[in-house]
Amino acid sequence: MALVLTGTVVTFDEDHRVLDPGVVYVGDDGRLAAVRSAAQDAPAGFASAPRVDTGALILPGLIDLHNHLTYNTLPLWEAAGVPYLHHDRWVDEDRPPDYSTTVTWPAKVLAQAAPEALIKYVEVKALIGGTTSIQGAPVATRPVDGWLLRIIDNERLPAGRDMVMTAALQLDAEELREVRAPKLDGTRLLIYHVAEGRAGSIVRREFEELEPCWRPGLIGVHGTALTGADFARWQEAVRAINPAERATLVWSPFSNYWLYHESTDVVAADRKGLRIALGSDWAPSGTKHVLGELKVADAVNQHRLGGRFSDRELCDMVTANPGDALATAWGPQVGRLARGSAADLLVLARHAPDADPYRNLIDATERHVRLVLVRGRPFYGTPALMTAAGATHTDPITVAGLRRRVAVRQPDRADAQLDWPGVRRALERVRADPVSAWRAAQDALASWGGPLDDPDAPLVLFGDMPEGDVGAFAAAGEVPSGLVIPPLDTLTHDAAFLAAVARAGVPELRHLAERYP
C-alpha cells in the first residue's frame, strides 16, 4: 500500500541532503514516489495514504555486499590455528577444532533438513541490523529470491533477468577469461573473492589470474593480500573502458582480523580511487550484520587508519557505495533515497541528539532499529510502527530486551509458510537429532527422482565455502554419527559474542565491546 513516513530524512543522494523535517512517499509499487522536505506539497495520489510520524531518522536500508547465508546460524569459530596465512589454510584438519565438524557439517545438515527455516532465520538476523539487501545466496536446487530481504545474487532488478554472477571459491583462469570476462559488458556484475590472505602470501596470484575481468562490474571481495600498486592497475583498467566508472572493493575487517590478524589496505585502495563497500562475511568469522561491521570499520578507522574516512564516508560504505556498485546491473535502485528508487528503508532512533545522522548510524545498535521496509513492505520494527505501516501476519520477537514484531510468514507463497516460532522449532528439531534429520532429507531427495533444477523440486541448500575433509561420510551420503550442531547463533552482539571476541585477543577487535554498552 502507499505510505507516508515523516522524520529526519538522510537521503545519501549525490548532495547528501538531510531533510529535517522531511517526508518519504512510498508508492504502492514498492518504489519511492517522492522524497521532499515537510514544507513541500505531497505528490498526487497520497491524500488518503497512511501518514506515520516516526520521530526518527529515515535512511536507505543497509546493504551487505559480502556474506555466506548458509552458515549464519553458527557461532564464532574460535579456531586454534590463527593467524592463518591465507584462505586455503584454515580448512587444514591438523588444527583443532576440526573445521568440517565445527562448520561444514552443522551447516550442511541444517541447510538440507530445514532450508526454509535456515534462510528465514538468517534473514531475520540481518533485518534486526537494518539490512535490506544482502549478498551470499546459498547454492540451491532452485533460486530463492528473498522472502524478507533482497538477496543480491538472485534479485532480478530491473530487467527480470539475473544479472549478478558470484563466486566464493576460486575459478580457473580459463573460466575467468573465456566465460566470465565476456559477460562483463556493462550490464552484469561479478562478485568474486580474491587474494584473501596475509600480505605477501601466495593468494595474490589470484588477482593476476583475474586480470581479464578487471572491467566495470567486477566487485572484488577481501583483497587483503593486494598492494597499492595492484589497486592502481585495477582502477586504471576499469577507467580505460569507462572513464566514469570505479572499481569496487568489499571490506570485511572483522573477518580479516579474526582469521589473519591483518586487513585490507583500504587507505591505499581509497587513494587509488576505488569504491569501498562493507560486508559482514559469515557468522563463523564475522559480525552479526553489517550494522555491526560498520562499528568495526569505525574502530579500525579511528585506531589504525588515523581517521582517514569521515563518518559520512563510512556510512556510504553500507548505503550509497554498494548501491552504486550494484547499479551496473540494477540501475540506481538502492542505497540512496530519491524518486523512483526502491522503497527499502531503515527507520533509526535518533539516540544521540547532539550527533549528526552519520554518527548516529555508526553508533546505533540493534536497540535503535525502529522499522525496516523492503520493497515498500514493513518486515520488522516496533509494534507501534509496524501497525502504523500496515504490517500483517507478524510475530512477536524480543531483541536486546525490547519488544519487536517481525513478518516472516508469506501467505501468498507456498514455499514460505513458516512463521517465526515455526522457524525456531524447525531448526531446533534438526539440532535435537541431526542424524535422523539428515536421513529424512536424503530420503525426500531420493523419492523426488526428478531433476534438481525443476521449479517443483524440494528446496535443498548447499554451502558455498570450502568443506575441508568431510571424509567417507559424505561419500556414502551419511553424516558423522556423533555430530553436534551448536545452539543457534544469537541475533545480537550480546555478552557471549563479545566474550568470544575478548578471548581471541586481537587488538583491532577489542574496541568492539565499547560499542555495545
Protein backbone atom coordinates (compact mmCIF):
# COMPACT_ATOMS: atom_id res chain seq x y z
CA MET A 1 0.00 0.00 0.00
CA ALA A 2 1.02 3.64 -0.34
CA LEU A 3 2.61 5.03 2.80
CA VAL A 4 3.96 8.38 4.01
CA LEU A 5 6.81 8.48 6.54
CA THR A 6 7.94 11.69 8.24
CA GLY A 7 11.11 12.31 10.21
CA THR A 8 14.68 13.37 9.57
CA VAL A 9 15.37 12.04 6.07
CA VAL A 10 19.03 11.20 5.40
CA THR A 11 18.99 10.82 1.64
CA PHE A 12 22.56 9.72 0.77
CA ASP A 13 21.80 11.32 -2.60
CA GLU A 14 24.52 12.96 -4.69
CA ASP A 15 24.39 16.06 -2.46
CA HIS A 16 23.94 14.07 0.75
CA ARG A 17 20.94 16.18 1.68
CA VAL A 18 19.48 15.83 5.15
CA LEU A 19 15.83 16.94 5.22
CA ASP A 20 14.81 17.89 8.74
CA PRO A 21 11.88 17.59 8.83
CA GLY A 22 11.45 15.54 5.70
CA VAL A 23 8.89 13.22 4.14
CA VAL A 24 9.28 9.97 2.21
CA TYR A 25 6.40 8.93 -0.04
CA VAL A 26 6.27 5.17 -0.59
CA GLY A 27 4.24 4.15 -3.61
CA ASP A 28 2.15 1.00 -3.76
CA ASP A 29 4.57 -0.28 -6.42
CA GLY A 30 7.37 -0.61 -3.86
CA ARG A 31 9.23 2.47 -5.09
CA LEU A 32 9.68 5.96 -3.73
CA ALA A 33 7.25 8.38 -5.34
CA ALA A 34 9.00 11.39 -3.81
CA VAL A 35 11.49 12.48 -1.13
CA ARG A 36 10.73 16.03 -0.01
CA SER A 37 11.04 18.49 2.81
CA ALA A 38 8.00 18.77 5.05
CA ALA A 39 7.32 22.26 3.68
CA GLN A 40 6.72 20.94 0.16
CA ASP A 41 3.40 19.70 -1.14
CA ALA A 42 2.69 15.99 -1.36
CA PRO A 43 2.74 14.35 -4.80
CA ALA A 44 -0.55 13.36 -6.36
CA GLY A 45 -2.19 10.19 -5.07
CA PHE A 46 -1.16 10.37 -1.42
CA ALA A 47 -4.05 12.34 0.08
CA SER A 48 -5.52 9.25 1.73
CA ALA A 49 -2.30 7.30 2.33
CA PRO A 50 -1.47 6.43 5.96
CA ARG A 51 0.91 9.00 7.43
CA VAL A 52 3.40 7.81 10.05
CA ASP A 53 5.36 10.29 12.12
CA THR A 54 8.45 8.25 13.01
CA GLY A 55 10.14 10.89 15.17
CA ALA A 56 13.37 9.28 13.97
CA LEU A 57 15.96 9.13 11.20
CA ILE A 58 14.82 7.70 7.86
CA LEU A 59 17.70 6.24 5.83
CA PRO A 60 18.22 3.86 2.93
CA GLY A 61 18.16 0.23 4.05
CA LEU A 62 21.67 -1.07 4.64
CA ILE A 63 23.41 -3.21 2.01
CA ASP A 64 25.65 -6.13 2.98
CA LEU A 65 27.78 -6.79 -0.09
CA HIS A 66 29.58 -9.88 1.20
CA ASN A 67 28.09 -12.78 3.11
CA HIS A 68 27.50 -16.54 3.11
CA LEU A 69 23.95 -17.09 4.33
CA THR A 70 24.12 -20.87 4.70
CA TYR A 71 26.43 -20.61 7.70
CA ASN A 72 24.83 -17.80 9.67
CA THR A 73 23.17 -19.92 12.33
CA LEU A 74 26.63 -20.90 13.60
CA PRO A 75 28.59 -19.18 16.40
CA LEU A 76 32.02 -17.64 16.04
CA TRP A 77 34.59 -20.26 15.11
CA GLU A 78 37.32 -19.99 17.73
CA ALA A 79 39.97 -21.71 15.66
CA ALA A 80 43.30 -22.63 17.22
CA GLY A 81 45.46 -22.05 14.16
CA VAL A 82 45.11 -18.29 13.76
CA PRO A 83 46.51 -16.23 12.24
CA TYR A 84 46.22 -18.19 9.03
CA LEU A 85 48.39 -17.37 6.05
CA HIS A 86 45.50 -17.47 3.55
CA HIS A 87 42.07 -18.95 2.88
CA ASP A 88 43.36 -22.40 1.92
CA ARG A 89 44.96 -22.91 5.33
CA TRP A 90 42.02 -22.55 7.69
CA VAL A 91 40.43 -25.76 6.43
CA ASP A 92 43.52 -27.81 7.35
CA GLU A 93 42.46 -30.71 9.54
CA ASP A 94 45.64 -30.73 11.65
CA ARG A 95 44.45 -27.63 13.54
CA PRO A 96 41.73 -28.29 16.11
CA PRO A 97 38.88 -27.61 16.41
CA ASP A 98 38.07 -29.60 13.33
CA TYR A 99 36.67 -27.33 10.62
CA SER A 100 34.48 -29.94 8.95
CA THR A 101 32.62 -30.94 12.14
CA THR A 102 32.55 -27.40 13.58
CA VAL A 103 31.49 -25.53 10.46
CA THR A 104 30.83 -27.70 7.42
CA TRP A 105 28.64 -30.49 8.80
CA PRO A 106 26.39 -28.39 11.07
CA ALA A 107 25.68 -26.01 8.18
CA LYS A 108 25.22 -28.87 5.71
CA VAL A 109 22.67 -30.69 7.85
CA LEU A 110 20.62 -27.58 8.66
CA ALA A 111 20.68 -26.47 5.03
CA GLN A 112 19.34 -29.77 3.73
CA ALA A 113 16.99 -30.69 6.58
CA ALA A 114 15.47 -27.26 7.34
CA PRO A 115 16.15 -24.99 4.32
CA GLU A 116 13.23 -22.59 4.68
CA ALA A 117 13.85 -22.19 8.41
CA LEU A 118 17.56 -21.57 7.90
CA ILE A 119 17.08 -18.87 5.28
CA LYS A 120 14.41 -17.11 7.30
CA TYR A 121 16.47 -17.23 10.49
CA VAL A 122 19.47 -15.59 8.88
CA GLU A 123 17.29 -13.06 7.05
CA VAL A 124 15.75 -12.00 10.38
CA LYS A 125 19.23 -11.75 11.86
CA ALA A 126 20.17 -9.31 9.10
CA LEU A 127 16.88 -7.38 9.33
CA ILE A 128 17.47 -6.69 13.00
CA GLY A 129 20.55 -4.73 11.96
CA GLY A 130 18.68 -2.69 9.33
CA THR A 131 19.83 -4.75 6.32
CA THR A 132 17.54 -4.77 3.29
CA SER A 133 19.88 -6.22 0.61
CA ILE A 134 22.40 -8.97 1.22
CA GLN A 135 24.83 -10.93 -0.94
CA GLY A 136 25.66 -14.58 -0.39
CA ALA A 137 22.75 -16.75 -1.51
CA PRO A 138 23.10 -20.45 -0.82
CA VAL A 139 23.62 -22.75 -3.75
CA ALA A 140 20.15 -24.27 -4.09
CA THR A 141 18.06 -26.69 -6.08
CA ARG A 142 16.02 -23.65 -7.11
CA PRO A 143 16.74 -19.95 -6.62
CA VAL A 144 15.41 -18.25 -3.52
CA ASP A 145 14.89 -14.60 -4.39
CA GLY A 146 14.48 -13.42 -0.82
CA TRP A 147 11.41 -13.95 1.33
CA LEU A 148 12.26 -10.98 3.54
CA LEU A 149 15.37 -9.29 2.11
CA ARG A 150 16.66 -8.69 -1.39
CA ILE A 151 19.21 -11.46 -1.94
CA ILE A 152 21.61 -9.79 -4.34
CA ASP A 153 22.75 -12.96 -6.08
CA ASN A 154 19.20 -13.82 -7.18
CA GLU A 155 17.41 -10.46 -7.33
CA ARG A 156 16.08 -9.60 -10.76
CA LEU A 157 16.16 -5.81 -10.98
CA PRO A 158 15.20 -4.20 -13.28
CA ALA A 159 15.01 -6.36 -16.38
CA GLY A 160 13.62 -9.57 -14.88
CA ARG A 161 16.87 -11.40 -15.56
CA ASP A 162 19.60 -12.48 -13.15
CA MET A 163 22.45 -10.09 -13.91
CA VAL A 164 24.72 -10.93 -10.95
CA MET A 165 27.42 -13.61 -11.15
CA THR A 166 29.12 -14.72 -7.94
CA ALA A 167 31.98 -17.00 -6.95
CA ALA A 168 33.19 -17.54 -3.39
CA LEU A 169 35.62 -20.27 -4.45
CA GLN A 170 38.34 -19.68 -6.99
CA LEU A 171 37.59 -20.29 -10.66
CA ASP A 172 40.25 -21.48 -13.05
CA ALA A 173 41.92 -19.00 -15.36
CA GLU A 174 40.16 -20.32 -18.46
CA GLU A 175 36.70 -19.92 -16.88
CA LEU A 176 37.54 -16.35 -15.90
CA ARG A 177 38.94 -15.47 -19.32
CA GLU A 178 36.54 -17.32 -21.61
CA VAL A 179 33.23 -17.27 -19.70
CA ARG A 180 33.06 -14.58 -17.04
CA ALA A 181 35.05 -11.73 -18.62
CA PRO A 182 32.95 -11.54 -21.83
CA LYS A 183 29.79 -11.21 -19.73
CA LEU A 184 31.15 -8.09 -18.02
CA ASP A 185 29.75 -5.97 -20.83
CA GLY A 186 28.49 -3.06 -18.75
CA THR A 187 25.21 -4.75 -17.81
CA ARG A 188 26.34 -7.55 -15.48
CA LEU A 189 28.23 -7.92 -12.23
CA LEU A 190 30.77 -10.45 -10.98
CA ILE A 191 31.17 -10.59 -7.18
CA TYR A 192 34.39 -12.53 -6.66
CA HIS A 193 36.58 -13.45 -3.68
CA VAL A 194 40.18 -12.59 -4.49
CA ALA A 195 43.53 -12.61 -2.67
CA GLU A 196 42.15 -13.41 0.78
CA GLY A 197 45.20 -13.82 2.98
CA ARG A 198 48.11 -12.07 4.59
CA ALA A 199 50.26 -9.60 2.70
CA GLY A 200 52.88 -11.34 0.58
CA SER A 201 51.09 -14.71 0.60
CA ILE A 202 50.66 -16.86 -2.49
CA VAL A 203 46.98 -15.94 -2.92
CA ARG A 204 47.97 -12.64 -4.51
CA ARG A 205 48.36 -14.62 -7.75
CA GLU A 206 44.55 -14.91 -7.82
CA PHE A 207 44.48 -11.21 -8.66
CA GLU A 208 46.71 -11.74 -11.69
CA GLU A 209 44.52 -14.61 -12.89
CA LEU A 210 41.54 -12.28 -12.58
CA GLU A 211 43.05 -9.71 -14.95
CA PRO A 212 40.67 -10.45 -17.87
CA CYS A 213 37.84 -9.43 -15.51
CA TRP A 214 39.34 -6.09 -14.44
CA ARG A 215 36.34 -4.43 -16.02
CA PRO A 216 33.35 -2.34 -14.92
CA GLY A 217 31.05 -4.63 -12.97
CA LEU A 218 33.75 -6.56 -11.12
CA ILE A 219 33.25 -6.38 -7.35
CA GLY A 220 36.30 -7.78 -5.58
CA VAL A 221 35.82 -9.24 -2.10
CA HIS A 222 38.60 -9.04 0.52
CA GLY A 223 41.77 -8.30 -1.49
CA THR A 224 43.73 -8.45 1.78
CA ALA A 225 46.94 -9.50 0.03
CA LEU A 226 46.78 -6.70 -2.54
CA THR A 227 49.03 -3.65 -2.62
CA GLY A 228 48.53 -0.04 -3.64
CA ALA A 229 50.11 -0.87 -7.00
CA ASP A 230 47.54 -3.64 -7.51
CA PHE A 231 44.67 -1.29 -6.75
CA ALA A 232 46.11 1.27 -9.17
CA ARG A 233 46.33 -1.28 -12.00
CA TRP A 234 42.77 -2.47 -11.37
CA GLN A 235 41.35 1.04 -11.29
CA GLU A 236 43.26 2.08 -14.43
CA ALA A 237 41.94 -0.98 -16.30
CA VAL A 238 38.34 -0.13 -15.36
CA ARG A 239 38.65 3.51 -16.33
CA ALA A 240 40.29 2.64 -19.62
CA ILE A 241 36.98 1.02 -20.55
CA ASN A 242 34.69 3.59 -18.92
CA PRO A 243 36.26 6.79 -17.53
CA ALA A 244 33.21 7.38 -15.34
CA GLU A 245 33.44 4.01 -13.58
CA ARG A 246 35.23 2.93 -10.40
CA ALA A 247 36.47 -0.45 -9.28
CA THR A 248 34.66 -1.78 -6.22
CA LEU A 249 36.31 -3.44 -3.23
CA VAL A 250 34.34 -5.11 -0.41
CA TRP A 251 35.96 -4.80 3.03
CA SER A 252 35.19 -7.22 5.88
CA PRO A 253 37.50 -6.02 8.66
CA PHE A 254 36.19 -8.24 11.46
CA SER A 255 36.66 -11.45 9.46
CA ASN A 256 40.05 -10.32 8.20
CA TYR A 257 41.40 -9.67 11.68
CA TRP A 258 39.72 -12.75 13.14
CA LEU A 259 41.33 -15.14 10.66
CA TYR A 260 44.52 -13.37 9.53
CA HIS A 261 45.25 -10.62 12.10
CA GLU A 262 45.53 -8.28 9.11
CA SER A 263 43.04 -6.45 6.95
CA THR A 264 42.72 -4.94 3.50
CA ASP A 265 44.75 -1.79 2.83
CA VAL A 266 41.63 0.29 2.31
CA VAL A 267 43.60 3.52 2.62
CA ALA A 268 45.66 2.57 -0.44
CA ALA A 269 42.51 1.47 -2.26
CA ASP A 270 40.82 4.77 -1.45
CA ARG A 271 43.85 6.75 -2.60
CA LYS A 272 43.77 4.95 -5.95
CA GLY A 273 40.11 5.85 -6.42
CA LEU A 274 38.37 2.57 -5.63
CA ARG A 275 34.83 2.49 -4.28
CA ILE A 276 34.71 0.71 -0.90
CA ALA A 277 31.74 -1.18 0.48
CA LEU A 278 31.33 -3.27 3.64
CA GLY A 279 30.31 -6.89 4.10
CA SER A 280 29.84 -8.77 7.34
CA ASP A 281 31.08 -12.07 5.84
CA TRP A 282 29.72 -15.11 7.68
CA ALA A 283 28.91 -15.98 11.29
CA PRO A 284 31.97 -18.24 11.89
CA SER A 285 34.30 -15.25 11.48
CA GLY A 286 32.09 -12.19 11.15
CA THR A 287 29.73 -9.77 12.83
CA LYS A 288 26.00 -10.44 13.18
CA HIS A 289 25.08 -8.00 10.42
CA VAL A 290 26.51 -5.08 8.50
CA LEU A 291 25.47 -2.53 11.17
CA GLY A 292 27.91 -4.35 13.45
CA GLU A 293 30.56 -4.40 10.72
CA LEU A 294 30.21 -0.63 10.44
CA LYS A 295 31.35 -0.33 14.06
CA VAL A 296 34.41 -2.46 13.39
CA ALA A 297 35.27 -0.30 10.39
CA ASP A 298 34.85 2.81 12.53
CA ALA A 299 37.09 1.44 15.30
CA VAL A 300 39.77 0.43 12.78
CA ASN A 301 39.47 3.83 11.13
CA GLN A 302 39.99 5.61 14.45
CA HIS A 303 42.69 3.41 15.94
CA ARG A 304 44.61 2.09 12.91
CA LEU A 305 43.94 4.38 9.95
CA GLY A 306 44.35 7.78 11.56
CA GLY A 307 40.75 8.77 10.85
CA ARG A 308 41.24 8.53 7.09
CA PHE A 309 37.48 8.22 6.49
CA SER A 310 34.86 10.66 7.71
CA ASP A 311 31.70 9.43 9.40
CA ARG A 312 29.78 10.12 6.22
CA GLU A 313 32.26 8.17 4.11
CA LEU A 314 31.98 5.19 6.46
CA CYS A 315 28.19 5.29 6.24
CA ASP A 316 28.43 5.48 2.43
CA MET A 317 30.10 2.03 2.63
CA VAL A 318 26.79 0.43 3.66
CA THR A 319 24.46 2.59 1.54
CA ALA A 320 25.48 4.68 -1.46
CA ASN A 321 28.70 2.87 -2.35
CA PRO A 322 27.29 -0.67 -2.61
CA GLY A 323 24.18 0.79 -4.23
CA ASP A 324 26.31 2.47 -6.88
CA ALA A 325 28.25 -0.75 -7.43
CA LEU A 326 25.02 -2.66 -7.97
CA ALA A 327 23.71 -0.01 -10.37
CA THR A 328 25.59 -1.65 -13.25
CA ALA A 329 23.05 -4.46 -13.13
CA TRP A 330 20.16 -2.94 -11.20
CA GLY A 331 20.17 0.72 -12.17
CA PRO A 332 20.01 3.39 -9.42
CA GLN A 333 17.67 1.32 -7.28
CA VAL A 334 19.14 1.01 -3.77
CA GLY A 335 21.46 2.80 -1.37
CA ARG A 336 20.14 6.34 -1.99
CA LEU A 337 16.73 7.89 -1.33
CA ALA A 338 15.36 9.53 -4.46
CA ARG A 339 12.25 9.48 -6.57
CA GLY A 340 11.99 6.15 -8.37
CA SER A 341 14.43 4.23 -6.18
CA ALA A 342 13.45 1.11 -4.29
CA ALA A 343 11.44 1.70 -1.12
CA ASP A 344 14.00 -0.11 1.05
CA LEU A 345 14.08 1.95 4.23
CA LEU A 346 15.61 1.94 7.69
CA VAL A 347 13.99 3.97 10.45
CA LEU A 348 16.51 4.52 13.22
CA ALA A 349 16.07 6.16 16.60
CA ARG A 350 17.99 9.41 16.93
CA HIS A 351 19.65 8.13 20.09
CA ALA A 352 22.42 10.75 20.22
CA PRO A 353 20.58 14.06 19.56
CA ASP A 354 23.78 16.13 19.62
CA ALA A 355 25.49 13.98 16.98
CA ASP A 356 24.92 14.22 13.24
CA PRO A 357 22.92 11.49 11.47
CA TYR A 358 26.04 9.65 10.30
CA ARG A 359 27.49 9.28 13.79
CA ASN A 360 24.02 8.21 14.93
CA LEU A 361 24.09 5.39 12.37
CA ILE A 362 27.61 4.30 13.26
CA ASP A 363 26.85 4.18 16.98
CA ALA A 364 23.40 2.61 16.63
CA THR A 365 22.84 -0.91 17.92
CA GLU A 366 20.02 -3.35 17.39
CA ARG A 367 18.12 -1.50 20.13
CA HIS A 368 17.82 1.58 17.92
CA VAL A 369 16.31 -0.03 14.80
CA ARG A 370 12.66 1.08 14.80
CA LEU A 371 11.36 -0.07 11.41
CA VAL A 372 12.66 -1.80 8.28
CA LEU A 373 10.84 -1.77 4.93
CA VAL A 374 11.82 -3.87 1.92
CA ARG A 375 10.07 -3.26 -1.41
CA GLY A 376 7.84 -0.84 0.47
CA ARG A 377 6.60 -3.53 2.87
CA PRO A 378 7.25 -3.46 6.64
CA PHE A 379 9.06 -6.58 7.79
CA TYR A 380 10.49 -5.64 11.19
CA GLY A 381 10.08 -2.94 13.79
CA THR A 382 8.45 -1.73 16.95
CA PRO A 383 4.85 -2.90 17.47
CA ALA A 384 3.51 0.64 17.08
CA LEU A 385 5.36 1.42 13.85
CA MET A 386 4.65 -1.99 12.33
CA THR A 387 0.94 -1.49 12.96
CA ALA A 388 1.00 2.07 11.63
CA ALA A 389 2.84 0.93 8.50
CA GLY A 390 0.20 -1.71 7.78
CA ALA A 391 2.21 -4.83 8.59
CA THR A 392 0.28 -8.11 8.60
CA HIS A 393 0.98 -11.69 9.69
CA THR A 394 3.58 -10.57 12.23
CA ASP A 395 5.04 -12.42 15.19
CA PRO A 396 6.45 -11.04 18.45
CA ILE A 397 10.21 -11.17 18.86
CA THR A 398 12.45 -9.90 21.66
CA VAL A 399 15.61 -8.13 20.54
CA ALA A 400 18.15 -6.85 23.07
CA GLY A 401 15.41 -6.96 25.69
CA LEU A 402 12.94 -4.92 23.62
CA ARG A 403 9.61 -5.92 22.11
CA ARG A 404 9.55 -6.01 18.34
CA ARG A 405 7.38 -7.55 15.60
CA VAL A 406 8.63 -9.44 12.55
CA ALA A 407 6.78 -10.55 9.41
CA VAL A 408 8.21 -13.94 8.46
CA ARG A 409 5.30 -15.94 7.06
CA GLN A 410 4.39 -15.10 3.46
CA PRO A 411 0.77 -16.28 2.96
CA ASP A 412 0.92 -15.72 -0.78
CA ARG A 413 3.93 -18.02 -1.23
CA ALA A 414 3.55 -21.76 -0.87
CA ASP A 415 7.25 -22.16 -0.11
CA ALA A 416 7.35 -19.57 2.70
CA GLN A 417 4.71 -20.66 5.20
CA LEU A 418 6.80 -20.87 8.36
CA ASP A 419 6.23 -18.14 10.93
CA TRP A 420 8.92 -17.06 13.42
CA PRO A 421 8.07 -19.66 16.09
CA GLY A 422 7.93 -22.28 13.34
CA VAL A 423 11.38 -21.26 12.11
CA ARG A 424 12.91 -21.78 15.52
CA ARG A 425 11.08 -25.08 16.09
CA ALA A 426 12.24 -26.47 12.74
CA LEU A 427 15.86 -25.63 13.42
CA GLU A 428 15.75 -26.98 16.96
CA ARG A 429 14.25 -30.27 15.75
CA VAL A 430 17.25 -30.74 13.49
CA ARG A 431 19.64 -29.82 16.30
CA ALA A 432 17.99 -32.36 18.62
CA ASP A 433 18.61 -35.28 16.24
CA PRO A 434 20.83 -34.29 13.31
CA VAL A 435 21.37 -37.86 12.12
CA SER A 436 17.64 -38.60 11.73
CA ALA A 437 17.03 -35.17 10.19
CA TRP A 438 19.79 -35.72 7.66
CA ARG A 439 18.48 -39.16 6.66
CA ALA A 440 14.94 -37.84 6.25
CA ALA A 441 16.23 -35.07 3.98
CA GLN A 442 18.17 -37.55 1.87
CA ASP A 443 15.12 -39.80 1.61
CA ALA A 444 13.00 -36.87 0.41
CA LEU A 445 15.52 -36.08 -2.30
CA ALA A 446 15.70 -39.71 -3.36
CA SER A 447 11.92 -40.01 -3.56
CA TRP A 448 11.73 -36.90 -5.75
CA GLY A 449 13.65 -38.58 -8.52
CA GLY A 450 13.36 -35.64 -10.88
CA PRO A 451 15.93 -33.01 -11.89
CA LEU A 452 17.08 -30.76 -9.07
CA ASP A 453 16.69 -27.63 -11.20
CA ASP A 454 12.95 -28.25 -11.61
CA PRO A 455 10.80 -25.49 -10.03
CA ASP A 456 8.86 -28.19 -8.16
CA ALA A 457 11.96 -29.89 -6.76
CA PRO A 458 12.36 -30.00 -2.98
CA LEU A 459 14.27 -26.97 -1.75
CA VAL A 460 17.74 -28.06 -0.73
CA LEU A 461 20.61 -25.73 0.09
CA PHE A 462 24.33 -26.28 -0.28
CA GLY A 463 27.25 -24.34 1.14
CA ASP A 464 29.45 -22.10 -0.96
CA MET A 465 32.58 -22.32 1.19
CA PRO A 466 35.42 -24.88 1.37
CA GLU A 467 34.25 -28.05 3.06
CA GLY A 468 37.53 -29.34 4.46
CA ASP A 469 37.86 -33.07 5.00
CA VAL A 470 34.26 -34.30 5.17
CA GLY A 471 35.62 -37.83 4.84
CA ALA A 472 33.88 -41.06 3.94
CA PHE A 473 30.62 -39.88 5.49
CA ALA A 474 29.87 -37.52 2.61
CA ALA A 475 30.92 -40.07 0.01
CA ALA A 476 28.43 -42.52 1.49
CA GLY A 477 25.67 -39.94 1.79
CA GLU A 478 25.88 -40.19 5.57
CA VAL A 479 26.53 -37.81 8.45
CA PRO A 480 29.02 -38.23 11.33
CA SER A 481 27.18 -40.26 13.98
CA GLY A 482 28.30 -38.08 16.86
CA LEU A 483 27.65 -34.75 15.17
CA VAL A 484 26.64 -31.94 17.49
CA ILE A 485 25.03 -28.86 15.97
CA PRO A 486 25.75 -25.87 18.22
CA PRO A 487 22.99 -23.65 19.62
CA LEU A 488 21.64 -21.15 17.11
CA ASP A 489 23.78 -18.06 16.88
CA THR A 490 22.17 -15.24 18.78
CA LEU A 491 20.61 -12.39 16.83
CA THR A 492 22.51 -9.56 18.53
CA HIS A 493 26.04 -8.66 19.55
CA ASP A 494 25.44 -9.93 23.07
CA ALA A 495 27.69 -10.70 26.02
CA ALA A 496 28.54 -14.20 24.74
CA PHE A 497 29.66 -12.82 21.37
CA LEU A 498 31.74 -10.08 22.96
CA ALA A 499 33.31 -12.59 25.37
CA ALA A 500 34.41 -14.73 22.42
CA VAL A 501 35.92 -11.64 20.80
CA ALA A 502 37.79 -10.86 24.04
CA ARG A 503 39.15 -14.42 24.24
CA ALA A 504 40.63 -14.06 20.76
CA GLY A 505 42.85 -11.23 21.98
CA VAL A 506 43.01 -9.46 18.61
CA PRO A 507 43.89 -5.81 19.38
CA GLU A 508 41.94 -4.40 16.44
CA LEU A 509 38.73 -6.07 17.64
CA ARG A 510 38.86 -5.26 21.35
CA HIS A 511 37.21 -1.88 20.73
CA LEU A 512 34.00 -3.58 19.56
CA ALA A 513 32.88 -4.16 23.15
CA GLU A 514 32.93 -0.40 23.72
CA ARG A 515 30.20 -0.03 21.08
CA TYR A 516 27.74 -2.29 22.93
CA PRO A 517 27.38 -0.88 26.45
